[in-house]
Amino acid sequence: MAVELWLVRHGQAAFASDDYDRLTDLGWQQARWLGEHLRGMEVGFDRIASGTLRRQRETAEAVSGVLGVAPQVVPGLEEYDAKALLAKAGFQDRDPSLSRREHFKRLRGVLLAWSEGRAEGAETWVAFRERVMAAIATLTEGRDGRVLAAASGGSIAMALSTILNLAPEQMIEFNLQARNTGISRLVFTGRRVYFNMFNAIPHLERPERRHAETYS
């Protein structure tokens, strides 16, 4: 028995707007390009899934629209609540006085404090890890085949760092370098888990698509 799990970060979301939880036009295009790439490579999927967040569901819908596999919703793949973490640390989420670089530097510090129990969020670090791993178990338990799941940078990073038994600092590094529609691939054999792809964007690696490599 083996399950090949493709974890895909959602397409570009509306970072600078009042509603981050939706794909931009570019985000939809990134996801469609991913579906077209997979179809062209003749990579078939037995299941396509997503977390409950709108940006995750829209990403799965765009990919499934190309591949013809109806998407399912699997709770637990949702992102941690960065807004709550920053607010409880006394910071404004997406403070207009900060550049993106400064915003993510601040977020890095808050995430590390959260992992060490020095900061509070909408849930604990441990609760976040447990719900992400419960979702991974739902996606992979008792099945053969290939599964694509649209998730978020933090939930993908938590899954990878937990499976690889890495420190929280590495989870944060994985999280903050996640590219929109980046692919991370794991193979579950029952006894072992093999990690053989991280944050890959083969569908965007063309000169005319360089503008489509985004991180938020």
Protein backbone atom coordinates (compact mmCIF):
# COMPACT_ATOMS: atom_id res chain seq x y z
CA MET A 1 0.00 0.00 0.00
CA ALA A 2 1.28 3.47 -0.87
CA VAL A 3 -0.29 6.91 -0.97
CA GLU A 4 1.40 9.75 -2.83
CA LEU A 5 0.34 13.03 -1.24
CA TRP A 6 0.85 16.29 -3.11
CA LEU A 7 0.45 19.25 -0.74
CA VAL A 8 -0.14 22.44 -2.72
CA ARG A 9 -0.11 25.89 -1.20
CA HIS A 10 -3.06 28.00 -2.31
CA GLY A 11 -2.73 30.49 -5.15
CA GLN A 12 -1.96 34.15 -4.57
CA ALA A 13 -4.46 35.62 -2.12
CA ALA A 14 -5.58 39.23 -1.75
CA PHE A 15 -2.83 40.27 0.70
CA ALA A 16 -3.33 44.02 0.49
CA SER A 17 -7.15 43.95 0.66
CA ASP A 18 -9.70 43.78 3.47
CA ASP A 19 -10.44 40.13 2.55
CA TYR A 20 -7.23 38.11 2.32
CA ASP A 21 -9.14 34.83 2.12
CA ARG A 22 -9.82 34.82 -1.62
CA LEU A 23 -7.71 34.28 -4.70
CA THR A 24 -6.66 37.16 -6.90
CA ASP A 25 -7.01 36.81 -10.66
CA LEU A 26 -3.35 35.75 -10.70
CA GLY A 27 -4.04 33.20 -7.96
CA TRP A 28 -6.75 31.57 -10.07
CA GLN A 29 -4.40 31.54 -13.06
CA GLN A 30 -1.57 29.97 -11.04
CA ALA A 31 -3.89 27.14 -10.01
CA ARG A 32 -5.19 26.61 -13.54
CA TRP A 33 -1.61 26.51 -14.85
CA LEU A 34 -0.83 23.88 -12.23
CA GLY A 35 -3.78 21.77 -13.39
CA GLU A 36 -2.72 22.13 -17.03
CA HIS A 37 0.85 21.13 -16.15
CA LEU A 38 -0.30 18.02 -14.31
CA ARG A 39 -2.64 17.08 -17.14
CA GLY A 40 0.16 17.53 -19.65
CA MET A 41 2.45 15.34 -17.55
CA GLU A 42 -0.35 12.75 -17.39
CA VAL A 43 -0.31 12.81 -13.59
CA GLY A 44 -3.70 11.52 -12.47
CA PHE A 45 -5.23 11.96 -9.03
CA ASP A 46 -7.66 9.71 -7.21
CA ARG A 47 -8.71 12.55 -4.93
CA ILE A 48 -8.43 16.33 -4.85
CA ALA A 49 -9.04 17.98 -1.50
CA SER A 50 -8.65 21.25 0.35
CA GLY A 51 -9.05 22.77 3.76
CA THR A 52 -12.13 24.85 4.54
CA LEU A 53 -10.65 28.30 3.82
CA ARG A 54 -11.96 30.02 0.71
CA ARG A 55 -8.51 30.48 -0.84
CA GLN A 56 -7.80 26.78 -0.36
CA ARG A 57 -11.15 25.72 -1.81
CA GLU A 58 -10.78 28.04 -4.79
CA THR A 59 -7.33 26.62 -5.52
CA ALA A 60 -8.68 23.06 -5.46
CA GLU A 61 -11.60 24.11 -7.66
CA ALA A 62 -9.30 25.65 -10.26
CA VAL A 63 -7.07 22.57 -10.41
CA SER A 64 -10.00 20.14 -10.41
CA GLY A 65 -11.68 22.12 -13.17
CA VAL A 66 -8.78 21.18 -15.43
CA LEU A 67 -8.28 17.61 -14.19
CA GLY A 68 -11.94 16.68 -13.90
CA VAL A 69 -11.83 15.31 -10.34
CA ALA A 70 -14.44 16.78 -7.99
CA PRO A 71 -12.77 18.39 -4.94
CA GLN A 72 -13.52 17.42 -1.35
CA VAL A 73 -13.14 19.51 1.81
CA VAL A 74 -11.00 18.07 4.60
CA PRO A 75 -11.03 20.17 7.80
CA GLY A 76 -7.71 20.62 9.58
CA LEU A 77 -5.58 21.94 6.72
CA GLU A 78 -6.43 25.56 7.53
CA GLU A 79 -3.73 28.14 8.30
CA TYR A 80 -2.96 29.28 11.83
CA ASP A 81 -4.60 32.59 12.71
CA ALA A 82 -1.77 35.07 12.12
CA LYS A 83 -4.04 38.02 12.86
CA ALA A 84 -4.85 36.69 16.34
CA LEU A 85 -1.20 35.87 17.05
CA LEU A 86 -0.04 39.36 16.07
CA ALA A 87 -2.91 41.05 17.94
CA LYS A 88 -2.18 39.20 21.17
CA ALA A 89 1.47 40.20 20.80
CA GLY A 90 0.36 43.83 20.52
CA PHE A 91 0.81 44.21 16.76
CA GLN A 92 -1.52 45.17 13.94
CA ASP A 93 -1.97 42.59 11.21
CA ARG A 94 -0.53 43.87 7.91
CA ASP A 95 0.44 47.19 9.50
CA PRO A 96 0.45 49.71 6.60
CA SER A 97 3.54 51.36 8.07
CA LEU A 98 5.55 48.16 7.47
CA SER A 99 6.93 46.80 4.24
CA ARG A 100 6.19 43.16 3.38
CA ARG A 101 9.73 42.29 4.44
CA GLU A 102 9.24 43.96 7.81
CA HIS A 103 5.81 42.33 8.24
CA PHE A 104 7.19 38.84 7.76
CA LYS A 105 10.21 39.56 9.97
CA ARG A 106 7.78 40.50 12.75
CA LEU A 107 5.65 37.42 12.04
CA ARG A 108 8.75 35.20 12.24
CA GLY A 109 9.46 36.44 15.75
CA VAL A 110 5.86 35.96 16.88
CA LEU A 111 5.74 32.42 15.45
CA LEU A 112 8.90 31.45 17.30
CA ALA A 113 7.50 32.85 20.55
CA TRP A 114 4.24 30.93 19.90
CA SER A 115 6.14 27.67 19.40
CA GLU A 116 7.91 28.22 22.73
CA GLY A 117 4.73 29.07 24.64
CA ARG A 118 5.66 32.76 24.99
CA ALA A 119 2.84 34.00 22.75
CA GLU A 120 -0.86 33.16 22.49
CA GLY A 121 -3.03 32.71 19.45
CA ALA A 122 -6.47 31.42 18.56
CA GLU A 123 -5.06 27.94 19.32
CA THR A 124 -1.87 26.57 20.79
CA TRP A 125 1.08 25.42 18.71
CA VAL A 126 0.39 21.85 19.81
CA ALA A 127 -3.30 22.08 18.88
CA PHE A 128 -2.35 23.43 15.45
CA ARG A 129 0.06 20.54 14.91
CA GLU A 130 -2.47 17.94 16.06
CA ARG A 131 -5.26 19.14 13.75
CA VAL A 132 -2.92 19.35 10.75
CA MET A 133 -1.64 15.83 11.35
CA ALA A 134 -5.20 14.52 11.83
CA ALA A 135 -6.04 15.93 8.39
CA ILE A 136 -2.94 14.28 6.89
CA ALA A 137 -4.05 10.97 8.41
CA THR A 138 -7.51 11.41 6.86
CA LEU A 139 -5.95 12.02 3.45
CA THR A 140 -3.60 9.02 3.57
CA GLU A 141 -5.02 6.34 5.84
CA GLY A 142 -6.15 3.04 4.36
CA ARG A 143 -5.92 4.03 0.71
CA ASP A 144 -3.70 3.51 -2.30
CA GLY A 145 -3.28 6.14 -4.96
CA ARG A 146 -2.42 9.79 -5.48
CA VAL A 147 -3.99 12.69 -3.58
CA LEU A 148 -3.65 16.44 -4.15
CA ALA A 149 -4.57 18.68 -1.23
CA ALA A 150 -4.69 22.49 -1.36
CA ALA A 151 -3.56 23.88 1.97
CA SER A 152 -1.61 26.86 3.34
CA GLY A 153 2.04 27.63 3.92
CA GLY A 154 1.83 27.11 7.67
CA SER A 155 -0.15 23.87 7.59
CA ILE A 156 2.14 22.39 4.93
CA ALA A 157 5.21 23.49 6.88
CA MET A 158 3.82 21.97 10.08
CA ALA A 159 3.09 18.66 8.35
CA LEU A 160 6.57 18.46 6.83
CA SER A 161 8.45 19.47 9.98
CA THR A 162 6.43 17.01 12.11
CA ILE A 163 6.96 14.10 9.71
CA LEU A 164 10.68 14.90 9.42
CA ASN A 165 10.97 15.46 13.19
CA LEU A 166 12.39 18.96 12.80
CA ALA A 167 12.54 21.84 15.25
CA PRO A 168 9.98 24.67 15.22
CA GLU A 169 12.57 26.99 13.69
CA GLN A 170 12.63 24.81 10.58
CA MET A 171 8.84 24.79 10.38
CA ILE A 172 8.94 28.59 10.37
CA GLU A 173 11.59 28.60 7.62
CA PHE A 174 9.48 26.24 5.51
CA ASN A 175 6.43 28.43 6.13
CA LEU A 176 7.94 31.77 5.20
CA GLN A 177 9.51 30.58 1.95
CA ALA A 178 6.32 28.89 0.68
CA ARG A 179 5.40 29.96 -2.85
CA ASN A 180 1.85 30.22 -4.12
CA THR A 181 0.81 26.89 -5.71
CA GLY A 182 4.17 25.43 -4.65
CA ILE A 183 4.10 21.61 -4.50
CA SER A 184 5.50 19.48 -1.67
CA ARG A 185 5.27 15.72 -2.15
CA LEU A 186 5.27 12.85 0.33
CA VAL A 187 4.89 9.11 -0.19
CA PHE A 188 3.30 7.07 2.61
CA THR A 189 4.04 3.34 2.42
CA GLY A 190 2.51 2.20 5.69
CA ARG A 191 5.84 1.77 7.46
CA ARG A 192 7.72 4.78 6.14
CA VAL A 193 7.17 8.24 4.75
CA TYR A 194 9.37 9.52 1.92
CA PHE A 195 9.77 13.26 1.32
CA ASN A 196 10.82 13.93 -2.27
CA MET A 197 9.66 17.41 -3.30
CA PHE A 198 9.40 20.80 -1.59
CA ASN A 199 7.86 24.08 -2.76
CA ALA A 200 8.24 23.26 -6.46
CA ILE A 201 6.60 25.40 -9.16
CA PRO A 202 7.33 23.64 -12.49
CA HIS A 203 4.15 25.13 -13.96
CA LEU A 204 5.54 28.66 -13.48
CA GLU A 205 9.12 28.07 -14.63
CA ARG A 206 8.85 29.80 -17.98
CA PRO A 207 10.19 33.26 -18.89
CA GLU A 208 6.70 34.60 -19.60
CA ARG A 209 5.46 33.42 -16.18
CA ARG A 210 8.21 34.86 -14.00
CA HIS A 211 5.80 37.51 -12.72
CA ALA A 212 3.64 34.70 -11.34
CA GLU A 213 6.14 33.53 -8.69
CA THR A 214 4.55 34.99 -5.55
CA TYR A 215 4.72 34.37 -1.82
CA SER A 216 1.54 35.83 -0.27
